[in-house]
Amino acid sequence: MTATEDEPRSAASLTATVLDEEAARQAAQAERSQAVLFADDLLPGVGSEEMEFRDGLRRGGAFTFSVLLALNSLDELESAAINILGPDIAETLEVSDGTITFISVASVAFFMLGAGPLGWLADRVRRGPIVGFASVAFAGFVALSGLAVNAFMLFWTRFFAGVSKANTVTVHPTLIADTYPIGIRGRLYTTINACGRSAHLLGSGVLIGTIAWLAGGDEGWRWAYLTLGVPVAVLAVLAFFIREPERGQWEKKDVLGHSFGEDMDEIPISVGAAFARIWKIDTIRYMTVGFAAIGFALFPAESIRNFYLDEEFGLSAIQRGWATIPSGVLVIPLLPYVGARFDRAFRISPDRALMIVGLLLLPATVLIPVQYAMPNVWLFIAIGTVNSVLMGTAFAMVQPIIQSVVPYRLRGMGTAVITFFIFAVGGVAGGLLSGFLQDTIGERAAITVLTMFLMPVGGFYILRGSRRVRGDLSLVVEELMEEQAYHDLIEGGREVPVIQVNHIDFSYGPVQVLFDVSFDVMDGETL
């Protein structure tokens, strides 16, 4: 055989070898990229002993919880005002029902604009002053809402009130998570939720409606806003005295057996890197898509309901307020029980805890259309009460799940990311779509279309995300162990790398040039 005949065979052999090596490399890379699942007793909050609520509250101190609880309740009370008083505001400012619905939904959606900056700050500086300054601003813009002379001014006062109110979504939960043990988080968040719902429902019916009624006339709604800003401003002063807890102390104690005593000075994580890490959390991705879909129906629902009660049944502001009370009264005493059940379920099976949320949300697909088909206000309220119990218990369990799967250094940004997408899609887009549908086909048809098409999509994605909770908790454990190794280097007096790079693949366009590269860069070395 000549050399010329051997050349094709040699080339084919070389090609086959290269392809085999590449296939082996890809298989090894795929195996390495698979999620590592740690045993349940290593996952934070899983398999631990049950903790009494009072014991957990005592460990973190009652002051932080009390101040945040009161501020959140007043914020919820204020958010009910535009929904209860919407028809009166529309008449005073001479705008359509859909315009007020859009403003009411958009004011909630403005959370997303404040969520990012406040979440970024919450991961870097003391959080008590953030809560204090944001609450002072919120109180001021609430009062200015009562002085609005047209819809344009009302829109902007609601805009800035929503931006400042975002601290209750991004800063409050991180303070709770870092201050109090994992074993009582479910009960803490559900207690806050219960008090918030009490203020939202009982306060809106009794307080807001009564203030507007006592003031009299179509412009009595202005006094409700002017009055609500005062107690928020008083409580904002107390927020400046909230003690800053060690970040992630309870995860460290549960996984590593101890905390580090204080937060170390580290280079702040960039927004891009934080977003990339957060978006790797499967639970967060699925919850974001699910709640964004649900938001199309959820955010405009309360405003649409009040316009429907006004136009279909002829209820006044105070009557609409009282009509909303039964829909939330039953869920309030259930929430502490739900919190305890969540804590117990999370200790046994964290995946199951999120699955329960998805299952509780799905019945709204049927219940809301049935509610709006009822021939009288009593049946309307009765069906709405059943739906509110299911929805209220489901949403009470969302925050403890978010705080569990997001790394403790990124809790503020993690909450901001999911808040941004939920409110940007469900809030703003939902407000625009619902406002258009409400003015075009009416309240009943609008809420029916939104609910029947989008609630099942949201529930499906949340159920899919429930399968990923264990894997995301394992990522948290892995990062805590890496942090422990870093602390061991410091305590041992050994040189600490300036930069650590692990499992890097890099390509110039379609050509990959780095394959699973890991290295340390020490002080004085050049990379």
Protein backbone atom coordinates (compact mmCIF):
# COMPACT_ATOMS: atom_id res chain seq x y z
CA MET A 1 0.00 0.00 0.00
CA THR A 2 1.43 3.36 -0.97
CA ALA A 3 1.81 6.45 1.21
CA THR A 4 -0.87 8.15 -0.87
CA GLU A 5 -3.38 5.43 0.04
CA ASP A 6 -2.49 5.67 3.75
CA GLU A 7 -3.21 9.42 3.95
CA PRO A 8 -7.05 9.23 3.80
CA ARG A 9 -7.05 6.42 6.33
CA SER A 10 -4.81 8.43 8.68
CA ALA A 11 -7.01 11.50 8.28
CA ALA A 12 -10.14 9.47 8.98
CA SER A 13 -8.53 7.91 12.04
CA LEU A 14 -7.49 11.33 13.33
CA THR A 15 -10.99 12.72 12.75
CA ALA A 16 -12.57 9.78 14.58
CA THR A 17 -10.18 10.25 17.50
CA VAL A 18 -10.97 13.97 17.73
CA LEU A 19 -14.72 13.30 17.61
CA ASP A 20 -14.44 10.60 20.27
CA GLU A 21 -12.43 12.90 22.55
CA GLU A 22 -14.93 15.71 22.04
CA ALA A 23 -17.85 13.40 22.80
CA ALA A 24 -16.10 12.19 25.96
CA ARG A 25 -15.40 15.80 27.00
CA GLN A 26 -19.01 16.83 26.45
CA ALA A 27 -20.26 13.82 28.41
CA ALA A 28 -17.93 14.66 31.31
CA GLN A 29 -19.00 18.30 31.17
CA ALA A 30 -22.69 17.32 31.19
CA GLU A 31 -22.12 15.00 34.15
CA ARG A 32 -20.29 17.73 36.03
CA SER A 33 -23.01 20.30 35.29
CA GLN A 34 -25.73 18.10 36.75
CA ALA A 35 -27.14 19.40 40.00
CA VAL A 36 -25.54 17.92 43.11
CA LEU A 37 -28.22 16.97 45.61
CA PHE A 38 -27.07 16.95 49.22
CA ALA A 39 -28.69 14.83 51.90
CA ASP A 40 -31.72 16.42 53.55
CA ASP A 41 -29.95 16.88 56.87
CA LEU A 42 -27.44 19.19 55.13
CA LEU A 43 -30.07 21.40 53.50
CA PRO A 44 -30.83 24.61 55.46
CA GLY A 45 -34.06 24.25 57.40
CA VAL A 46 -34.72 20.67 56.26
CA GLY A 47 -34.73 17.84 58.80
CA SER A 48 -34.26 20.21 61.74
CA GLU A 49 -36.20 20.05 65.00
CA GLU A 50 -39.46 21.95 65.42
CA MET A 51 -39.08 25.38 67.03
CA GLU A 52 -41.64 27.22 69.12
CA PHE A 53 -42.67 30.57 67.66
CA ARG A 54 -41.94 32.49 70.87
CA ASP A 55 -38.50 30.92 71.16
CA GLY A 56 -37.59 31.89 67.60
CA LEU A 57 -38.96 35.40 68.05
CA ARG A 58 -36.98 35.80 71.27
CA ARG A 59 -33.72 34.84 69.54
CA GLY A 60 -34.06 37.65 67.02
CA GLY A 61 -35.83 40.16 69.25
CA ALA A 62 -39.41 41.37 68.92
CA PHE A 63 -38.61 44.99 67.98
CA THR A 64 -37.68 44.37 64.33
CA PHE A 65 -40.69 42.15 63.74
CA SER A 66 -43.10 44.58 65.44
CA VAL A 67 -41.97 47.64 63.48
CA LEU A 68 -42.00 45.85 60.12
CA LEU A 69 -45.38 44.29 60.92
CA ALA A 70 -46.94 47.68 61.69
CA LEU A 71 -45.45 49.36 58.61
CA ASN A 72 -46.59 46.57 56.31
CA SER A 73 -50.11 46.71 57.76
CA LEU A 74 -50.38 50.45 57.14
CA ASP A 75 -49.04 50.03 53.61
CA GLU A 76 -51.71 47.42 52.92
CA LEU A 77 -54.36 49.70 54.37
CA GLU A 78 -53.33 52.45 51.97
CA SER A 79 -53.26 50.12 48.96
CA ALA A 80 -56.93 49.33 49.56
CA ALA A 81 -57.91 52.99 49.37
CA ILE A 82 -57.80 53.45 45.60
CA ASN A 83 -59.73 50.23 45.05
CA ILE A 84 -62.49 51.09 47.53
CA LEU A 85 -62.67 54.75 46.55
CA GLY A 86 -62.05 54.24 42.82
CA PRO A 87 -65.58 55.06 41.62
CA ASP A 88 -65.65 58.26 43.71
CA ILE A 89 -62.21 59.29 42.45
CA ALA A 90 -63.27 58.65 38.85
CA GLU A 91 -66.33 60.85 39.31
CA THR A 92 -64.36 63.67 40.94
CA LEU A 93 -61.58 63.67 38.34
CA GLU A 94 -64.03 63.01 35.48
CA VAL A 95 -62.24 59.99 34.01
CA SER A 96 -63.39 56.51 32.96
CA ASP A 97 -63.51 53.42 35.14
CA GLY A 98 -60.72 51.85 33.07
CA THR A 99 -58.45 54.84 33.74
CA ILE A 100 -58.74 54.44 37.51
CA THR A 101 -58.28 50.68 37.17
CA PHE A 102 -55.08 51.27 35.23
CA ILE A 103 -53.79 53.77 37.81
CA SER A 104 -54.64 51.43 40.67
CA VAL A 105 -52.89 48.48 39.02
CA ALA A 106 -49.98 50.58 37.79
CA SER A 107 -49.42 52.02 41.27
CA VAL A 108 -48.84 48.47 42.46
CA ALA A 109 -46.68 47.78 39.42
CA PHE A 110 -44.47 50.75 40.29
CA PHE A 111 -43.00 48.42 42.89
CA MET A 112 -40.77 47.14 40.11
CA LEU A 113 -39.07 50.52 39.67
CA GLY A 114 -38.24 50.78 43.35
CA ALA A 115 -37.51 47.08 43.81
CA GLY A 116 -34.23 47.10 41.89
CA PRO A 117 -32.50 50.06 43.59
CA LEU A 118 -33.82 49.17 47.05
CA GLY A 119 -32.90 45.50 46.62
CA TRP A 120 -29.41 46.53 45.50
CA LEU A 121 -29.02 48.74 48.58
CA ALA A 122 -30.41 46.04 50.88
CA ASP A 123 -27.54 43.71 49.91
CA ARG A 124 -24.89 46.36 50.65
CA VAL A 125 -25.80 48.71 53.50
CA ARG A 126 -27.75 48.76 56.77
CA ARG A 127 -31.38 48.07 56.06
CA GLY A 128 -33.09 49.92 58.93
CA PRO A 129 -32.35 53.39 57.47
CA ILE A 130 -33.52 52.19 54.04
CA VAL A 131 -36.88 51.25 55.54
CA GLY A 132 -37.03 54.56 57.43
CA PHE A 133 -36.31 56.87 54.49
CA ALA A 134 -38.55 54.90 52.11
CA SER A 135 -41.44 54.97 54.59
CA VAL A 136 -41.13 58.73 55.11
CA ALA A 137 -41.30 59.23 51.33
CA PHE A 138 -44.26 56.87 51.10
CA ALA A 139 -46.16 58.81 53.78
CA GLY A 140 -45.59 62.09 51.93
CA PHE A 141 -46.81 60.86 48.56
CA VAL A 142 -49.85 59.20 50.11
CA ALA A 143 -50.88 62.57 51.54
CA LEU A 144 -50.25 64.25 48.17
CA SER A 145 -52.55 61.72 46.50
CA GLY A 146 -55.41 63.28 48.44
CA LEU A 147 -54.58 66.65 46.90
CA ALA A 148 -54.61 65.44 43.27
CA VAL A 149 -56.48 67.84 40.98
CA ASN A 150 -56.54 65.54 37.94
CA ALA A 151 -55.72 61.99 36.86
CA PHE A 152 -52.25 63.04 35.69
CA MET A 153 -51.27 64.28 39.16
CA LEU A 154 -52.84 61.23 40.79
CA PHE A 155 -50.81 58.99 38.49
CA TRP A 156 -47.52 60.58 39.56
CA THR A 157 -48.29 60.61 43.28
CA ARG A 158 -49.21 56.93 43.01
CA PHE A 159 -46.02 56.41 41.00
CA PHE A 160 -43.70 57.70 43.73
CA ALA A 161 -45.75 56.07 46.49
CA GLY A 162 -45.35 52.74 44.71
CA VAL A 163 -41.60 53.20 44.23
CA SER A 164 -41.04 53.97 47.91
CA LYS A 165 -43.41 51.21 49.02
CA ALA A 166 -41.16 48.66 47.28
CA ASN A 167 -39.11 48.47 50.47
CA THR A 168 -41.83 46.27 51.98
CA VAL A 169 -41.22 43.74 49.19
CA THR A 170 -37.41 43.80 48.89
CA VAL A 171 -36.05 45.03 52.24
CA HIS A 172 -38.52 43.77 54.87
CA PRO A 173 -38.27 40.07 53.86
CA THR A 174 -34.46 40.10 53.91
CA LEU A 175 -34.43 41.61 57.39
CA ILE A 176 -36.87 38.97 58.62
CA ALA A 177 -34.84 36.15 57.05
CA ASP A 178 -31.54 37.30 58.55
CA THR A 179 -32.95 38.20 61.98
CA TYR A 180 -35.03 35.12 62.80
CA PRO A 181 -34.39 31.34 62.61
CA ILE A 182 -35.40 29.32 59.53
CA GLY A 183 -37.74 27.16 61.61
CA ILE A 184 -40.26 29.97 62.21
CA ARG A 185 -40.05 31.88 58.92
CA GLY A 186 -43.30 30.46 57.64
CA ARG A 187 -45.13 31.63 60.75
CA LEU A 188 -43.45 35.04 60.66
CA TYR A 189 -44.39 35.75 57.06
CA THR A 190 -47.93 34.43 57.48
CA THR A 191 -48.41 36.56 60.60
CA ILE A 192 -47.31 39.64 58.67
CA ASN A 193 -49.58 38.57 55.83
CA ALA A 194 -52.51 38.05 58.20
CA CYS A 195 -52.11 41.48 59.77
CA GLY A 196 -51.69 43.05 56.34
CA ARG A 197 -54.87 41.40 55.12
CA SER A 198 -56.68 42.51 58.27
CA ALA A 199 -55.66 46.10 57.59
CA HIS A 200 -56.45 45.77 53.90
CA LEU A 201 -59.92 44.27 54.40
CA LEU A 202 -61.18 45.46 57.78
CA GLY A 203 -59.43 48.81 57.53
CA SER A 204 -60.64 49.46 54.00
CA GLY A 205 -64.20 48.64 54.94
CA VAL A 206 -64.33 50.30 58.33
CA LEU A 207 -61.70 53.03 58.27
CA ILE A 208 -61.30 54.22 54.68
CA GLY A 209 -64.97 53.96 53.79
CA THR A 210 -65.97 55.61 57.07
CA ILE A 211 -63.52 58.50 56.64
CA ALA A 212 -64.84 59.14 53.13
CA TRP A 213 -68.43 58.88 54.39
CA LEU A 214 -67.85 61.25 57.34
CA ALA A 215 -66.13 63.79 55.09
CA GLY A 216 -69.16 63.60 52.82
CA GLY A 217 -69.64 64.25 49.13
CA ASP A 218 -67.83 62.79 46.15
CA GLU A 219 -64.54 64.30 47.37
CA GLY A 220 -64.57 62.66 50.78
CA TRP A 221 -61.93 60.26 49.45
CA ARG A 222 -59.31 63.02 49.75
CA TRP A 223 -59.46 62.95 53.56
CA ALA A 224 -58.75 59.22 53.59
CA TYR A 225 -55.40 59.79 51.88
CA LEU A 226 -54.52 62.82 53.97
CA THR A 227 -55.20 60.86 57.16
CA LEU A 228 -53.31 57.66 56.26
CA GLY A 229 -49.93 59.35 55.78
CA VAL A 230 -49.60 60.39 59.43
CA PRO A 231 -49.14 57.01 61.22
CA VAL A 232 -46.74 55.79 58.52
CA ALA A 233 -44.49 58.80 59.12
CA VAL A 234 -44.47 58.13 62.88
CA LEU A 235 -43.49 54.47 62.46
CA ALA A 236 -40.82 55.39 59.91
CA VAL A 237 -38.84 57.05 62.71
CA LEU A 238 -38.72 53.76 64.66
CA ALA A 239 -37.32 51.94 61.61
CA PHE A 240 -34.05 53.87 61.92
CA PHE A 241 -33.38 52.03 65.20
CA ILE A 242 -33.70 48.50 63.78
CA ARG A 243 -30.57 46.47 64.55
CA GLU A 244 -28.68 45.13 61.52
CA PRO A 245 -28.38 41.30 61.76
CA GLU A 246 -25.53 39.18 60.43
CA ARG A 247 -26.45 38.17 56.91
CA GLY A 248 -27.21 34.48 56.47
CA GLN A 249 -26.46 33.66 60.10
CA TRP A 250 -29.17 30.99 60.39
CA GLU A 251 -28.18 29.20 57.17
CA LYS A 252 -24.57 29.14 58.40
CA LYS A 253 -25.57 27.75 61.78
CA ASP A 254 -27.83 25.12 60.24
CA VAL A 255 -25.37 23.91 57.57
CA LEU A 256 -21.94 24.65 59.07
CA GLY A 257 -22.83 24.48 62.75
CA HIS A 258 -21.78 28.08 63.43
CA SER A 259 -21.90 31.58 62.00
CA PHE A 260 -18.89 33.78 61.37
CA GLY A 261 -19.96 36.40 63.92
CA GLU A 262 -19.93 39.32 61.50
CA ASP A 263 -20.13 40.06 57.81
CA MET A 264 -16.75 40.16 56.13
CA ASP A 265 -15.74 43.06 53.92
CA GLU A 266 -15.98 41.68 50.40
CA ILE A 267 -16.17 43.17 46.94
CA PRO A 268 -19.87 43.83 46.23
CA ILE A 269 -21.40 41.54 43.64
CA SER A 270 -22.17 43.37 40.41
CA VAL A 271 -25.74 43.58 39.17
CA GLY A 272 -24.92 41.47 36.12
CA ALA A 273 -23.26 38.73 38.16
CA ALA A 274 -26.08 38.80 40.71
CA PHE A 275 -28.72 38.44 38.01
CA ALA A 276 -26.81 35.58 36.36
CA ARG A 277 -26.58 33.71 39.69
CA ILE A 278 -30.22 34.34 40.58
CA TRP A 279 -31.42 33.22 37.16
CA LYS A 280 -29.61 29.90 37.67
CA ILE A 281 -32.10 29.18 40.46
CA ASP A 282 -34.70 26.98 38.76
CA THR A 283 -37.29 27.62 41.46
CA ILE A 284 -37.07 31.38 40.93
CA ARG A 285 -37.35 31.06 37.14
CA TYR A 286 -40.47 28.92 37.28
CA MET A 287 -42.06 31.04 40.03
CA THR A 288 -41.36 34.21 38.06
CA VAL A 289 -43.06 32.93 34.92
CA GLY A 290 -45.94 31.46 36.93
CA PHE A 291 -46.71 34.55 38.99
CA ALA A 292 -46.24 36.86 35.99
CA ALA A 293 -49.01 34.93 34.22
CA ILE A 294 -51.21 34.96 37.32
CA GLY A 295 -50.60 38.70 37.71
CA PHE A 296 -52.59 39.46 34.55
CA ALA A 297 -55.71 38.37 36.41
CA LEU A 298 -54.65 39.07 39.98
CA PHE A 299 -53.56 42.71 39.88
CA PRO A 300 -56.68 44.21 38.26
CA ALA A 301 -59.09 41.88 40.08
CA GLU A 302 -59.76 44.07 43.12
CA SER A 303 -60.33 47.24 41.15
CA ILE A 304 -62.61 45.44 38.68
CA ARG A 305 -64.54 43.92 41.59
CA ASN A 306 -65.28 47.31 43.13
CA PHE A 307 -66.44 48.79 39.84
CA TYR A 308 -68.63 45.72 39.35
CA LEU A 309 -70.15 46.12 42.83
CA ASP A 310 -70.83 49.78 42.07
CA GLU A 311 -72.36 49.31 38.62
CA GLU A 312 -74.06 45.91 38.97
CA PHE A 313 -75.34 46.11 42.56
CA GLY A 314 -75.26 49.88 43.20
CA LEU A 315 -73.06 49.75 46.33
CA SER A 316 -71.62 52.98 47.75
CA ALA A 317 -68.00 53.38 48.92
CA ILE A 318 -68.71 52.31 52.50
CA GLN A 319 -70.92 49.45 51.31
CA ARG A 320 -68.19 48.24 48.94
CA GLY A 321 -65.76 48.37 51.83
CA TRP A 322 -67.99 46.26 54.03
CA ALA A 323 -68.66 43.85 51.16
CA THR A 324 -64.95 43.02 50.90
CA ILE A 325 -64.64 42.09 54.58
CA PRO A 326 -66.06 38.52 54.44
CA SER A 327 -63.72 37.60 51.58
CA GLY A 328 -60.76 38.01 53.90
CA VAL A 329 -62.07 37.43 57.40
CA LEU A 330 -61.98 33.64 57.14
CA VAL A 331 -58.42 33.47 55.85
CA ILE A 332 -56.96 35.62 58.63
CA PRO A 333 -57.32 33.09 61.50
CA LEU A 334 -56.13 30.34 59.14
CA LEU A 335 -52.82 31.99 58.27
CA PRO A 336 -50.98 31.21 61.55
CA TYR A 337 -52.03 27.58 61.10
CA VAL A 338 -50.85 27.73 57.47
CA GLY A 339 -47.49 29.13 58.60
CA ALA A 340 -47.01 26.30 61.08
CA ARG A 341 -47.98 23.75 58.42
CA PHE A 342 -45.53 25.32 55.99
CA ASP A 343 -42.67 25.19 58.51
CA ARG A 344 -43.47 21.53 59.16
CA ALA A 345 -43.78 20.67 55.44
CA PHE A 346 -40.53 22.46 54.62
CA ARG A 347 -38.66 20.52 57.31
CA ILE A 348 -39.91 17.24 55.81
CA SER A 349 -40.06 17.98 52.06
CA PRO A 350 -39.23 21.47 50.70
CA ASP A 351 -40.46 20.47 47.22
CA ARG A 352 -43.90 19.70 48.62
CA ALA A 353 -44.13 23.15 50.23
CA LEU A 354 -44.09 24.89 46.83
CA MET A 355 -46.33 22.25 45.26
CA ILE A 356 -49.05 23.17 47.76
CA VAL A 357 -48.86 26.79 46.56
CA GLY A 358 -49.53 25.77 42.95
CA LEU A 359 -52.42 23.49 43.88
CA LEU A 360 -54.11 26.22 45.94
CA LEU A 361 -53.99 28.70 43.04
CA LEU A 362 -55.54 26.51 40.35
CA PRO A 363 -59.19 26.54 41.64
CA ALA A 364 -59.39 30.30 40.96
CA THR A 365 -59.64 29.40 37.26
CA VAL A 366 -63.21 28.25 37.93
CA LEU A 367 -64.18 30.16 41.08
CA ILE A 368 -63.73 33.70 39.73
CA PRO A 369 -65.92 33.22 36.61
CA VAL A 370 -68.54 31.52 38.80
CA GLN A 371 -68.39 34.43 41.27
CA TYR A 372 -69.15 37.00 38.55
CA ALA A 373 -72.06 34.88 37.30
CA MET A 374 -73.88 35.10 40.64
CA PRO A 375 -77.31 36.83 40.51
CA ASN A 376 -77.02 38.75 43.80
CA VAL A 377 -74.38 40.35 45.99
CA TRP A 378 -74.64 37.75 48.77
CA LEU A 379 -73.72 34.84 46.50
CA PHE A 380 -71.05 37.03 44.88
CA ILE A 381 -69.45 37.59 48.30
CA ALA A 382 -69.79 33.92 49.30
CA ILE A 383 -67.93 32.58 46.25
CA GLY A 384 -65.34 35.35 46.56
CA THR A 385 -64.71 34.32 50.16
CA VAL A 386 -63.84 30.75 49.14
CA ASN A 387 -61.47 32.01 46.46
CA SER A 388 -59.82 34.50 48.85
CA VAL A 389 -59.14 31.78 51.42
CA LEU A 390 -57.32 29.67 48.82
CA MET A 391 -55.39 32.59 47.30
CA GLY A 392 -54.50 34.08 50.68
CA THR A 393 -53.06 30.85 52.04
CA ALA A 394 -51.07 30.30 48.83
CA PHE A 395 -49.45 33.73 48.71
CA ALA A 396 -48.58 33.61 52.40
CA MET A 397 -46.09 30.82 51.61
CA VAL A 398 -44.27 32.51 48.73
CA GLN A 399 -41.79 34.72 50.62
CA PRO A 400 -40.29 31.98 52.84
CA ILE A 401 -39.60 29.89 49.73
CA ILE A 402 -37.89 32.79 47.95
CA GLN A 403 -35.71 33.59 50.97
CA SER A 404 -34.71 29.92 51.30
CA VAL A 405 -33.44 29.28 47.76
CA VAL A 406 -31.70 32.62 47.11
CA PRO A 407 -28.10 32.98 48.45
CA TYR A 408 -28.11 35.15 51.55
CA ARG A 409 -25.82 37.79 50.00
CA LEU A 410 -28.31 38.25 47.15
CA ARG A 411 -31.60 38.22 49.02
CA GLY A 412 -32.43 41.82 48.19
CA MET A 413 -31.57 41.45 44.50
CA GLY A 414 -33.25 38.04 44.35
CA THR A 415 -36.52 39.45 45.61
CA ALA A 416 -36.11 42.45 43.29
CA VAL A 417 -35.64 40.24 40.21
CA ILE A 418 -38.79 38.20 40.76
CA THR A 419 -40.70 41.35 41.78
CA PHE A 420 -39.60 43.20 38.65
CA PHE A 421 -40.75 40.53 36.23
CA ILE A 422 -43.99 39.79 38.06
CA PHE A 423 -45.03 43.44 38.26
CA ALA A 424 -43.64 44.45 34.85
CA VAL A 425 -45.55 41.69 33.09
CA GLY A 426 -48.50 40.99 35.37
CA GLY A 427 -48.85 44.51 36.76
CA VAL A 428 -48.19 46.91 33.89
CA ALA A 429 -49.20 44.66 31.00
CA GLY A 430 -52.08 43.28 33.04
CA GLY A 431 -53.23 46.79 33.89
CA LEU A 432 -53.17 47.89 30.25
CA LEU A 433 -54.94 44.76 29.04
CA SER A 434 -57.55 44.79 31.81
CA GLY A 435 -58.23 48.51 31.33
CA PHE A 436 -58.79 47.94 27.60
CA LEU A 437 -61.01 44.90 28.17
CA GLN A 438 -62.96 46.62 30.95
CA ASP A 439 -63.84 49.59 28.76
CA THR A 440 -64.52 47.35 25.75
CA ILE A 441 -66.44 44.32 27.03
CA GLY A 442 -67.18 45.21 30.67
CA GLU A 443 -65.99 44.09 34.09
CA ARG A 444 -67.48 40.58 34.13
CA ALA A 445 -66.20 39.52 30.71
CA ALA A 446 -62.78 41.10 31.31
CA ILE A 447 -62.01 39.25 34.56
CA THR A 448 -63.43 35.99 33.15
CA VAL A 449 -61.18 36.09 30.08
CA LEU A 450 -58.07 36.98 32.09
CA THR A 451 -58.69 34.31 34.72
CA MET A 452 -59.62 31.35 32.54
CA PHE A 453 -56.69 31.79 30.17
CA LEU A 454 -53.84 32.79 32.49
CA MET A 455 -54.42 31.25 35.93
CA PRO A 456 -53.86 27.66 34.65
CA VAL A 457 -50.59 28.72 33.02
CA GLY A 458 -49.33 30.22 36.27
CA GLY A 459 -50.32 27.22 38.36
CA PHE A 460 -48.63 24.84 35.90
CA TYR A 461 -45.28 26.65 36.08
CA ILE A 462 -45.34 26.83 39.87
CA LEU A 463 -45.97 23.07 40.04
CA ARG A 464 -43.05 22.52 37.66
CA GLY A 465 -40.83 24.70 39.83
CA SER A 466 -41.65 22.69 42.95
CA ARG A 467 -39.48 19.85 41.63
CA ARG A 468 -36.39 22.08 41.72
CA VAL A 469 -36.41 23.32 45.32
CA ARG A 470 -34.08 20.62 46.66
CA GLY A 471 -31.54 21.25 43.91
CA ASP A 472 -31.54 24.99 44.60
CA LEU A 473 -31.09 24.42 48.33
CA SER A 474 -28.12 22.19 47.47
CA LEU A 475 -26.56 25.10 45.56
CA VAL A 476 -26.91 27.22 48.70
CA VAL A 477 -25.15 24.51 50.73
CA GLU A 478 -22.34 24.28 48.17
CA GLU A 479 -21.71 28.02 48.35
CA LEU A 480 -21.73 27.99 52.16
CA MET A 481 -19.11 25.22 52.16
CA GLU A 482 -16.95 27.23 49.75
CA GLU A 483 -17.26 30.23 52.07
CA GLN A 484 -16.24 28.04 55.01
CA ALA A 485 -13.12 26.93 53.11
CA TYR A 486 -12.30 30.58 52.46
CA HIS A 487 -12.60 31.39 56.17
CA ASP A 488 -10.41 28.40 57.02
CA LEU A 489 -7.65 29.83 54.82
CA ILE A 490 -7.83 33.16 56.63
CA GLU A 491 -7.91 31.64 60.11
CA GLY A 492 -5.00 29.33 59.24
CA GLY A 493 -2.84 32.28 58.27
CA ARG A 494 -2.45 31.01 54.72
CA GLU A 495 -2.37 33.17 51.62
CA VAL A 496 -5.82 33.86 50.23
CA PRO A 497 -6.32 33.99 46.44
CA VAL A 498 -7.24 37.37 45.03
CA ILE A 499 -9.31 35.69 42.30
CA GLN A 500 -10.73 32.18 42.14
CA VAL A 501 -12.03 30.77 38.85
CA ASN A 502 -13.87 27.45 38.67
CA HIS A 503 -15.09 25.38 35.69
CA ILE A 504 -14.80 28.05 33.01
CA ASP A 505 -15.62 27.36 29.36
CA PHE A 506 -14.85 30.15 26.90
CA SER A 507 -15.37 30.58 23.18
CA TYR A 508 -14.30 33.02 20.49
CA GLY A 509 -17.50 32.98 18.48
CA PRO A 510 -18.21 29.33 17.59
CA VAL A 511 -14.66 28.20 18.49
CA GLN A 512 -14.24 27.03 22.10
CA VAL A 513 -10.73 27.70 23.42
CA LEU A 514 -11.07 27.03 27.17
CA PHE A 515 -12.46 23.76 28.50
CA ASP A 516 -13.33 23.44 32.19
CA VAL A 517 -10.51 25.70 33.39
CA SER A 518 -10.03 26.29 37.14
CA PHE A 519 -7.25 28.33 38.72
CA ASP A 520 -6.37 30.74 41.54
CA VAL A 521 -4.65 34.09 41.14
CA MET A 522 -2.51 35.02 44.14
CA ASP A 523 -1.48 38.50 45.24
CA GLY A 524 1.27 39.81 42.98
CA GLU A 525 0.58 37.41 40.12
CA THR A 526 -0.43 38.57 36.66
CA LEU A 527 -3.31 36.98 34.80
